[in-house]
Protein backbone atom coordinates (compact mmCIF):
# COMPACT_ATOMS: atom_id res chain seq x y z
CA MET A 1 -12.54 1.30 4.30
CA THR A 2 -9.36 -0.29 5.62
CA GLN A 3 -7.58 -3.14 3.89
CA GLU A 4 -8.46 -5.45 6.77
CA ASN A 5 -12.17 -4.66 6.34
CA ALA A 6 -11.88 -5.09 2.57
CA LEU A 7 -10.29 -8.50 3.09
CA LYS A 8 -13.14 -9.58 5.39
CA LEU A 9 -15.64 -8.36 2.82
CA PHE A 10 -14.08 -10.31 -0.04
CA LYS A 11 -13.72 -13.44 2.07
CA CYS A 12 -17.41 -13.25 2.97
CA LEU A 13 -18.45 -12.82 -0.62
CA SER A 14 -16.39 -15.84 -1.71
CA ASP A 15 -18.84 -18.31 -0.12
CA MET A 16 -21.92 -19.46 -2.05
CA SER A 17 -24.12 -19.84 1.06
CA ARG A 18 -23.33 -16.30 2.17
CA LEU A 19 -24.05 -14.97 -1.31
CA ARG A 20 -27.42 -16.76 -1.24
CA ILE A 21 -28.15 -15.25 2.20
CA ILE A 22 -27.35 -11.76 0.92
CA GLN A 23 -29.55 -12.39 -2.10
CA SER A 24 -32.44 -13.43 0.16
CA LEU A 25 -31.96 -10.37 2.37
CA THR A 26 -32.33 -8.09 -0.65
CA GLN A 27 -36.03 -9.01 -0.48
CA GLY A 28 -36.31 -7.71 3.08
CA GLU A 29 -35.47 -8.40 6.72
CA MET A 30 -35.47 -12.03 7.86
CA TYR A 31 -34.69 -14.13 10.90
CA THR A 32 -32.46 -17.22 11.06
CA GLU A 33 -35.19 -19.87 10.86
CA LEU A 34 -36.85 -18.27 7.82
CA LEU A 35 -33.51 -18.00 6.01
CA ALA A 36 -32.70 -21.62 6.87
CA GLU A 37 -36.04 -22.79 5.47
CA ARG A 38 -35.72 -20.73 2.27
CA LEU A 39 -32.14 -21.82 1.56
CA GLY A 40 -32.39 -25.44 2.66
CA LEU A 41 -29.77 -24.97 5.39
CA THR A 42 -29.87 -25.73 9.10
CA PRO A 43 -30.42 -22.81 11.52
CA PRO A 44 -26.93 -23.31 13.09
CA THR A 45 -25.35 -23.10 9.62
CA VAL A 46 -27.24 -19.88 8.89
CA SER A 47 -26.18 -18.47 12.29
CA PHE A 48 -22.55 -19.30 11.52
CA HIS A 49 -22.72 -17.47 8.18
CA MET A 50 -24.60 -14.54 9.69
CA LYS A 51 -21.80 -14.04 12.23
CA LYS A 52 -19.28 -13.86 9.36
CA LEU A 53 -21.49 -11.43 7.44
CA GLU A 54 -21.92 -9.22 10.53
CA ASP A 55 -18.16 -9.20 11.18
CA ALA A 56 -17.62 -8.00 7.61
CA GLY A 57 -20.27 -5.31 8.07
CA LEU A 58 -22.53 -6.65 5.31
CA VAL A 59 -25.42 -7.45 7.66
CA VAL A 60 -26.87 -5.77 10.73
CA SER A 61 -29.05 -7.45 13.33
CA ARG A 62 -31.56 -6.46 15.96
CA LYS A 63 -33.43 -8.42 18.61
CA GLU A 64 -37.19 -8.74 18.24
CA GLN A 65 -38.76 -10.78 21.06
CA TYR A 66 -37.23 -14.29 20.73
CA TYR A 67 -35.76 -13.75 17.28
CA THR A 68 -32.76 -11.99 15.83
CA VAL A 69 -33.82 -10.13 12.69
CA TYR A 70 -31.19 -9.52 10.01
CA SER A 71 -31.05 -6.89 7.29
CA LEU A 72 -28.48 -5.78 4.74
CA ASN A 73 -26.10 -2.93 5.43
CA ARG A 74 -26.64 -1.13 2.15
CA ASP A 75 -23.82 1.36 2.74
CA VAL A 76 -21.23 -1.42 2.54
CA LEU A 77 -22.89 -3.13 -0.42
CA GLU A 78 -23.13 0.09 -2.40
CA LYS A 79 -19.38 0.73 -2.25
CA THR A 80 -17.77 0.27 -5.63
CA ASN A 81 -15.04 -2.28 -6.18
CA TYR A 82 -12.67 0.62 -6.85
CA GLU A 83 -13.35 2.16 -3.43
CA VAL A 84 -12.67 -1.17 -1.76
CA ALA A 85 -9.51 -1.80 -3.81
CA ALA A 86 -8.21 1.70 -3.12
CA SER A 87 -8.53 1.28 0.64
CA GLU A 88 -5.58 2.50 2.67
CA PRO A 89 -3.25 0.00 4.27
CA GLU A 90 -2.99 0.34 8.04
CA GLN A 91 0.69 -0.48 8.16
CA ILE A 92 2.01 2.36 5.98
CA ASP A 93 3.69 4.01 8.98
CA GLU A 94 5.39 0.74 10.01
CA GLN A 95 6.63 0.14 6.47
CA GLN A 96 7.95 3.70 6.20
CA LYS A 97 9.77 3.29 9.53
CA ARG A 98 11.39 0.03 8.34
CA GLU A 99 12.43 1.67 5.07
CA GLU A 100 13.97 4.62 6.93
CA VAL A 101 15.87 2.29 9.29
CA TYR A 102 17.20 0.39 6.26
CA ARG A 103 18.13 3.67 4.52
CA GLN A 104 20.09 4.86 7.56
CA LYS A 105 21.84 1.49 7.81
CA VAL A 106 22.96 1.74 4.17
CA ILE A 107 24.16 5.31 4.64
CA ARG A 108 26.18 4.33 7.73
CA ALA A 109 27.69 1.38 5.84
CA PHE A 110 28.74 3.30 2.72
CA PHE A 111 29.42 6.85 3.92
CA GLU A 112 32.13 7.97 6.29
CA TYR A 113 32.54 11.63 7.20
CA GLY A 114 30.37 12.64 4.22
CA ARG A 115 32.40 10.63 1.69
CA LEU A 116 31.22 7.60 -0.23
CA ARG A 117 33.63 4.78 0.66
CA ALA A 118 32.51 2.50 -2.17
CA ILE A 119 29.76 2.47 -4.77
CA PRO A 120 27.31 -0.28 -3.76
CA VAL A 121 26.79 -3.15 -6.16
CA GLN A 122 23.16 -3.75 -5.17
CA ARG A 123 20.88 -1.34 -7.06
CA LYS A 124 18.63 -0.58 -4.07
CA LYS A 125 21.61 0.47 -1.95
CA LYS A 126 23.14 2.37 -4.84
CA LEU A 127 19.93 4.38 -5.29
CA ILE A 128 19.90 5.30 -1.60
CA CYS A 129 23.47 6.60 -1.92
CA TYR A 130 22.71 8.48 -5.15
CA GLU A 131 19.60 10.07 -3.65
CA LEU A 132 21.73 11.32 -0.76
CA ILE A 133 24.26 12.78 -3.20
CA ALA A 134 21.43 14.32 -5.25
CA GLU A 135 20.40 16.35 -2.19
CA HIS A 136 23.42 18.57 -2.96
CA PHE A 137 21.66 19.70 -6.17
CA LYS A 138 18.53 21.82 -6.52
CA PRO A 139 15.79 20.17 -8.62
CA GLY A 140 15.20 21.94 -11.93
CA ARG A 141 18.36 24.04 -11.80
CA VAL A 142 20.75 23.73 -14.74
CA TYR A 143 24.33 22.79 -13.80
CA GLU A 144 27.37 22.82 -16.04
CA GLU A 145 29.40 19.60 -16.07
CA LYS A 146 32.25 21.29 -14.18
CA GLU A 147 29.83 22.30 -11.41
CA VAL A 148 28.47 18.77 -11.16
CA ASN A 149 32.01 17.36 -10.96
CA ALA A 150 32.97 19.95 -8.32
CA ILE A 151 29.98 18.99 -6.15
CA ILE A 152 30.39 15.21 -6.50
CA SER A 153 34.22 14.93 -6.30
CA PRO A 154 34.46 15.77 -2.55
CA ILE A 155 31.91 12.99 -1.94
CA CYS A 156 33.49 10.40 -4.25
CA GLU A 157 36.63 10.30 -6.37
CA ASP A 158 34.83 8.41 -9.14
CA TYR A 159 32.51 11.31 -9.99
CA CYS A 160 32.23 10.21 -13.65
CA THR A 161 30.63 6.88 -12.71
CA ILE A 162 28.31 8.55 -10.21
CA ARG A 163 27.28 11.19 -12.74
CA ARG A 164 26.66 8.57 -15.46
CA ASP A 165 24.69 6.29 -13.10
CA MET A 166 22.57 9.17 -11.85
CA ILE A 167 21.62 9.93 -15.46
CA SER A 168 20.73 6.30 -16.18
CA GLU A 169 18.63 6.12 -12.97
CA GLY A 170 16.67 9.23 -13.94
CA ILE A 171 18.00 11.38 -11.13
CA PHE A 172 19.74 13.69 -13.63
CA ARG A 173 19.00 14.62 -17.23
CA ARG A 174 21.88 15.53 -19.46
CA ASP A 175 21.86 17.85 -22.46
CA GLY A 176 25.39 18.15 -23.82
CA THR A 177 27.43 19.49 -20.92
CA ARG A 178 24.39 20.67 -18.96
CA TYR A 179 22.74 18.68 -16.20
CA VAL A 180 19.39 19.06 -14.44
CA ARG A 181 18.32 17.23 -11.30
CA LEU A 182 14.93 15.67 -11.97
CA LYS A 183 14.01 14.09 -8.65
């Protein structure tokens, strides 16, 4: 189920008249006039709510002579709240594209010819820069402090600050003079 469908479902269920219609349909198929009579609503009001319920997928309809007969879509109703809540957002690709564009913009702004011109003040930008520097290290491999300094110093003169910040951000773990890239 997509997030858009989940939103429609929750909006439908937030109306008392629609909940009463669903409750009535649990007893069996019904047409608009019968539902209106049972619930004390006008047929146009029931038709309005039925359209919303159909759009959300909670109700299905079929024509039978002059009447439209409605029944519950049990597949949708039997979904657990967890399944609905865990639905995938449709715009993940768009968000990832925006994040990558932003990442490239930060890299262009702070790196020149592979060197870090300045350490960003903003944490988000700093993390992007540190993640780029961390690509020079293999995850899980143990590095001596001299090796870490030798790898970072061509990228930035202030290798001590970078090394310390990368530890505090959880990119590196330090044990004495040994360093391990975590992520």
